[in-house]
Amino acid sequence: MLSEKTHARHLVELGFLEGAFKKMGLETTMIEKNEEMFVHSLVVTMQDYKEREMNVALNFVPLDEEFGYEQAMFLQLYTALPFVWDTRLVDDLGKLILNLNNRVLLGLFGIKEGRELYYRYVFSSSQDDVINTGEFMDNFDLYLLMMNMFEEYVEKVSTGEYTLEQALEEIENM
């Protein structure tokens, strides 16, 4: 269980990042820890490759001293992909995701509980310093680039618009 001091630190760190996102003109929502949310979360509202609204949720992974992680903080970025997919295509989709996760430089695609498709990354920073906003924003930019580069293929295979083979062929020719 995280101490109140650690929760307060996380809220301050998210506040710094919220300021950076607002400077970029992005819409943000800070959700403070409460009875339903066990950690603070910053939600950044953006658009995907088809200009649909999507949210990137940022929260610190609640690892503390009892887990032996005293030197690092882990900030998770999580995006539920904004489309409905055909769960009957899960086998081909799983093969595509495995292929994509071997290609992306940062982050990974996944399937949560057989229903939700997502893109996720965990940014690590030192407990001894405030998160370097410039370094984080470079990572965030790469997170978005990788997600946007391949989300289209995840969507097309998961909806049956493309076969697995069509998607892999296009990806190979990128």
Protein backbone atom coordinates (compact mmCIF):
# COMPACT_ATOMS: atom_id res chain seq x y z
CA MET A 1 0.00 0.00 0.00
CA LEU A 2 1.35 3.40 -0.96
CA SER A 3 1.81 6.05 1.68
CA GLU A 4 -0.11 9.32 1.49
CA LYS A 5 3.25 11.04 0.90
CA THR A 6 3.81 8.88 -2.22
CA HIS A 7 0.27 9.54 -3.46
CA ALA A 8 0.85 13.28 -2.97
CA ARG A 9 4.12 13.06 -4.92
CA HIS A 10 2.36 11.27 -7.77
CA LEU A 11 -0.37 13.92 -7.87
CA VAL A 12 2.25 16.69 -8.09
CA GLU A 13 4.11 14.85 -10.88
CA LEU A 14 0.88 14.39 -12.83
CA GLY A 15 0.16 18.08 -12.30
CA PHE A 16 3.48 19.03 -13.93
CA LEU A 17 2.66 16.81 -16.90
CA GLU A 18 -0.84 18.24 -17.10
CA GLY A 19 0.70 21.70 -17.47
CA ALA A 20 2.87 20.47 -20.35
CA PHE A 21 -0.14 18.94 -22.12
CA LYS A 22 -2.18 22.12 -21.67
CA LYS A 23 0.68 24.16 -23.17
CA MET A 24 0.29 21.94 -26.24
CA GLY A 25 -3.41 22.82 -26.35
CA LEU A 26 -4.60 19.36 -25.30
CA GLU A 27 -7.65 18.74 -23.14
CA THR A 28 -6.86 17.09 -19.81
CA THR A 29 -8.79 15.81 -16.82
CA MET A 30 -7.20 15.06 -13.46
CA ILE A 31 -8.95 12.33 -11.48
CA GLU A 32 -7.79 12.25 -7.89
CA LYS A 33 -7.57 9.07 -5.86
CA ASN A 34 -10.88 8.22 -4.18
CA GLU A 35 -12.89 5.24 -2.97
CA GLU A 36 -13.35 3.98 -6.53
CA MET A 37 -9.90 4.92 -7.92
CA PHE A 38 -6.95 3.68 -5.86
CA VAL A 39 -4.44 5.94 -7.68
CA HIS A 40 -4.47 9.41 -9.21
CA SER A 41 -4.95 9.52 -12.97
CA LEU A 42 -4.43 12.14 -15.64
CA VAL A 43 -6.54 11.69 -18.77
CA VAL A 44 -5.45 13.38 -22.00
CA THR A 45 -8.12 13.58 -24.70
CA MET A 46 -6.84 13.30 -28.24
CA GLN A 47 -7.83 11.96 -31.66
CA ASP A 48 -6.72 8.76 -33.35
CA TYR A 49 -5.75 8.22 -36.98
CA LYS A 50 -9.43 8.50 -38.04
CA GLU A 51 -9.91 11.62 -35.89
CA ARG A 52 -12.07 9.77 -33.36
CA GLU A 53 -11.84 10.88 -29.78
CA MET A 54 -9.62 8.71 -27.62
CA ASN A 55 -8.16 9.05 -24.16
CA VAL A 56 -4.66 8.39 -22.94
CA ALA A 57 -4.76 7.65 -19.21
CA LEU A 58 -1.59 8.25 -17.20
CA ASN A 59 -1.14 6.87 -13.71
CA PHE A 60 1.68 5.66 -11.55
CA VAL A 61 1.90 1.91 -11.12
CA PRO A 62 1.46 1.42 -7.36
CA LEU A 63 4.74 -0.32 -6.56
CA ASP A 64 6.39 0.65 -3.31
CA GLU A 65 9.11 -0.38 -0.90
CA GLU A 66 7.50 -3.72 -0.12
CA PHE A 67 8.08 -4.73 -3.75
CA GLY A 68 11.71 -3.60 -3.63
CA TYR A 69 11.36 -0.68 -6.06
CA GLU A 70 12.76 2.17 -4.01
CA GLN A 71 14.72 3.94 -6.75
CA ALA A 72 12.23 4.11 -9.62
CA MET A 73 8.70 5.31 -10.34
CA PHE A 74 6.69 3.71 -13.13
CA LEU A 75 4.19 5.87 -15.02
CA GLN A 76 1.75 3.89 -17.15
CA LEU A 77 0.23 5.28 -20.35
CA TYR A 78 -2.89 3.37 -21.37
CA THR A 79 -5.20 3.89 -24.35
CA ALA A 80 -8.31 1.83 -25.04
CA LEU A 81 -8.57 1.75 -28.83
CA PRO A 82 -11.75 3.57 -29.93
CA PHE A 83 -13.52 1.02 -32.08
CA VAL A 84 -15.69 -2.08 -31.78
CA TRP A 85 -14.19 -5.34 -32.99
CA ASP A 86 -15.35 -8.84 -33.84
CA THR A 87 -14.21 -11.16 -31.05
CA ARG A 88 -14.50 -14.12 -33.42
CA LEU A 89 -11.35 -12.79 -35.13
CA VAL A 90 -9.28 -13.00 -31.94
CA ASP A 91 -6.89 -15.67 -33.29
CA ASP A 92 -5.78 -13.62 -36.29
CA LEU A 93 -5.77 -10.48 -34.19
CA GLY A 94 -3.51 -12.15 -31.64
CA LYS A 95 -1.07 -13.13 -34.39
CA LEU A 96 -1.08 -9.57 -35.72
CA ILE A 97 -0.52 -8.10 -32.26
CA LEU A 98 2.41 -10.44 -31.68
CA ASN A 99 3.92 -9.31 -34.99
CA LEU A 100 3.34 -5.62 -34.24
CA ASN A 101 4.75 -5.84 -30.71
CA ASN A 102 7.98 -7.11 -32.23
CA ARG A 103 8.10 -3.98 -34.42
CA VAL A 104 7.06 -1.06 -32.21
CA LEU A 105 9.86 0.87 -30.56
CA LEU A 106 7.87 1.81 -27.51
CA GLY A 107 4.72 0.32 -26.02
CA LEU A 108 2.63 -2.68 -26.93
CA PHE A 109 -0.81 -3.63 -28.19
CA GLY A 110 -2.94 -6.02 -26.17
CA ILE A 111 -6.35 -7.50 -25.53
CA LYS A 112 -7.85 -7.03 -22.07
CA GLU A 113 -10.20 -9.76 -20.87
CA GLY A 114 -11.03 -10.73 -24.45
CA ARG A 115 -12.97 -7.50 -25.02
CA GLU A 116 -10.92 -4.33 -24.97
CA LEU A 117 -8.09 -3.60 -27.37
CA TYR A 118 -5.45 -1.29 -25.97
CA TYR A 119 -2.03 0.27 -26.41
CA ARG A 120 0.17 0.59 -23.32
CA TYR A 121 3.60 1.78 -22.25
CA VAL A 122 5.30 2.18 -18.86
CA PHE A 123 7.73 5.11 -18.49
CA SER A 124 10.37 4.74 -15.77
CA SER A 125 11.93 7.62 -13.90
CA SER A 126 14.05 8.11 -10.81
CA GLN A 127 12.45 8.55 -7.39
CA ASP A 128 15.20 11.07 -6.67
CA ASP A 129 14.16 13.60 -9.32
CA VAL A 130 11.07 15.25 -10.70
CA ILE A 131 10.09 13.69 -14.03
CA ASN A 132 11.99 15.41 -16.84
CA THR A 133 9.06 16.84 -18.80
CA GLY A 134 11.02 17.15 -22.06
CA GLU A 135 12.20 13.54 -21.89
CA PHE A 136 8.69 12.36 -21.01
CA MET A 137 7.12 14.34 -23.86
CA ASP A 138 9.61 12.80 -26.32
CA ASN A 139 8.50 9.38 -25.08
CA PHE A 140 4.84 10.41 -25.28
CA ASP A 141 5.32 11.59 -28.86
CA LEU A 142 6.91 8.25 -29.79
CA TYR A 143 4.07 6.42 -27.97
CA LEU A 144 1.53 8.23 -30.16
CA LEU A 145 3.57 7.71 -33.32
CA MET A 146 3.84 3.95 -32.78
CA MET A 147 0.17 3.60 -31.84
CA ASN A 148 -1.03 5.67 -34.78
CA MET A 149 1.30 3.90 -37.20
CA PHE A 150 -0.20 0.47 -36.47
CA GLU A 151 -3.69 1.07 -35.01
CA GLU A 152 -5.19 1.02 -38.50
CA TYR A 153 -4.01 -2.56 -39.05
CA VAL A 154 -5.31 -3.68 -35.66
CA GLU A 155 -8.68 -2.18 -36.52
CA LYS A 156 -8.86 -3.61 -40.04
CA VAL A 157 -7.96 -7.15 -38.97
CA SER A 158 -10.18 -7.00 -35.86
CA THR A 159 -13.22 -5.92 -37.90
CA GLY A 160 -12.62 -8.28 -40.82
CA GLU A 161 -11.89 -5.51 -43.31
CA TYR A 162 -8.43 -7.06 -43.85
CA THR A 163 -7.21 -10.60 -43.51
CA LEU A 164 -4.16 -11.19 -41.37
CA GLU A 165 -2.17 -11.85 -44.53
CA GLN A 166 -3.23 -8.54 -46.15
CA ALA A 167 -2.22 -6.59 -43.07
CA LEU A 168 1.14 -8.32 -42.72
CA GLU A 169 1.91 -7.77 -46.38
CA GLU A 170 1.19 -4.03 -46.11
CA ILE A 171 3.21 -3.77 -42.93
CA GLU A 172 6.17 -5.51 -44.58
CA ASN A 173 6.03 -2.96 -47.41
CA MET A 174 5.97 0.12 -45.15
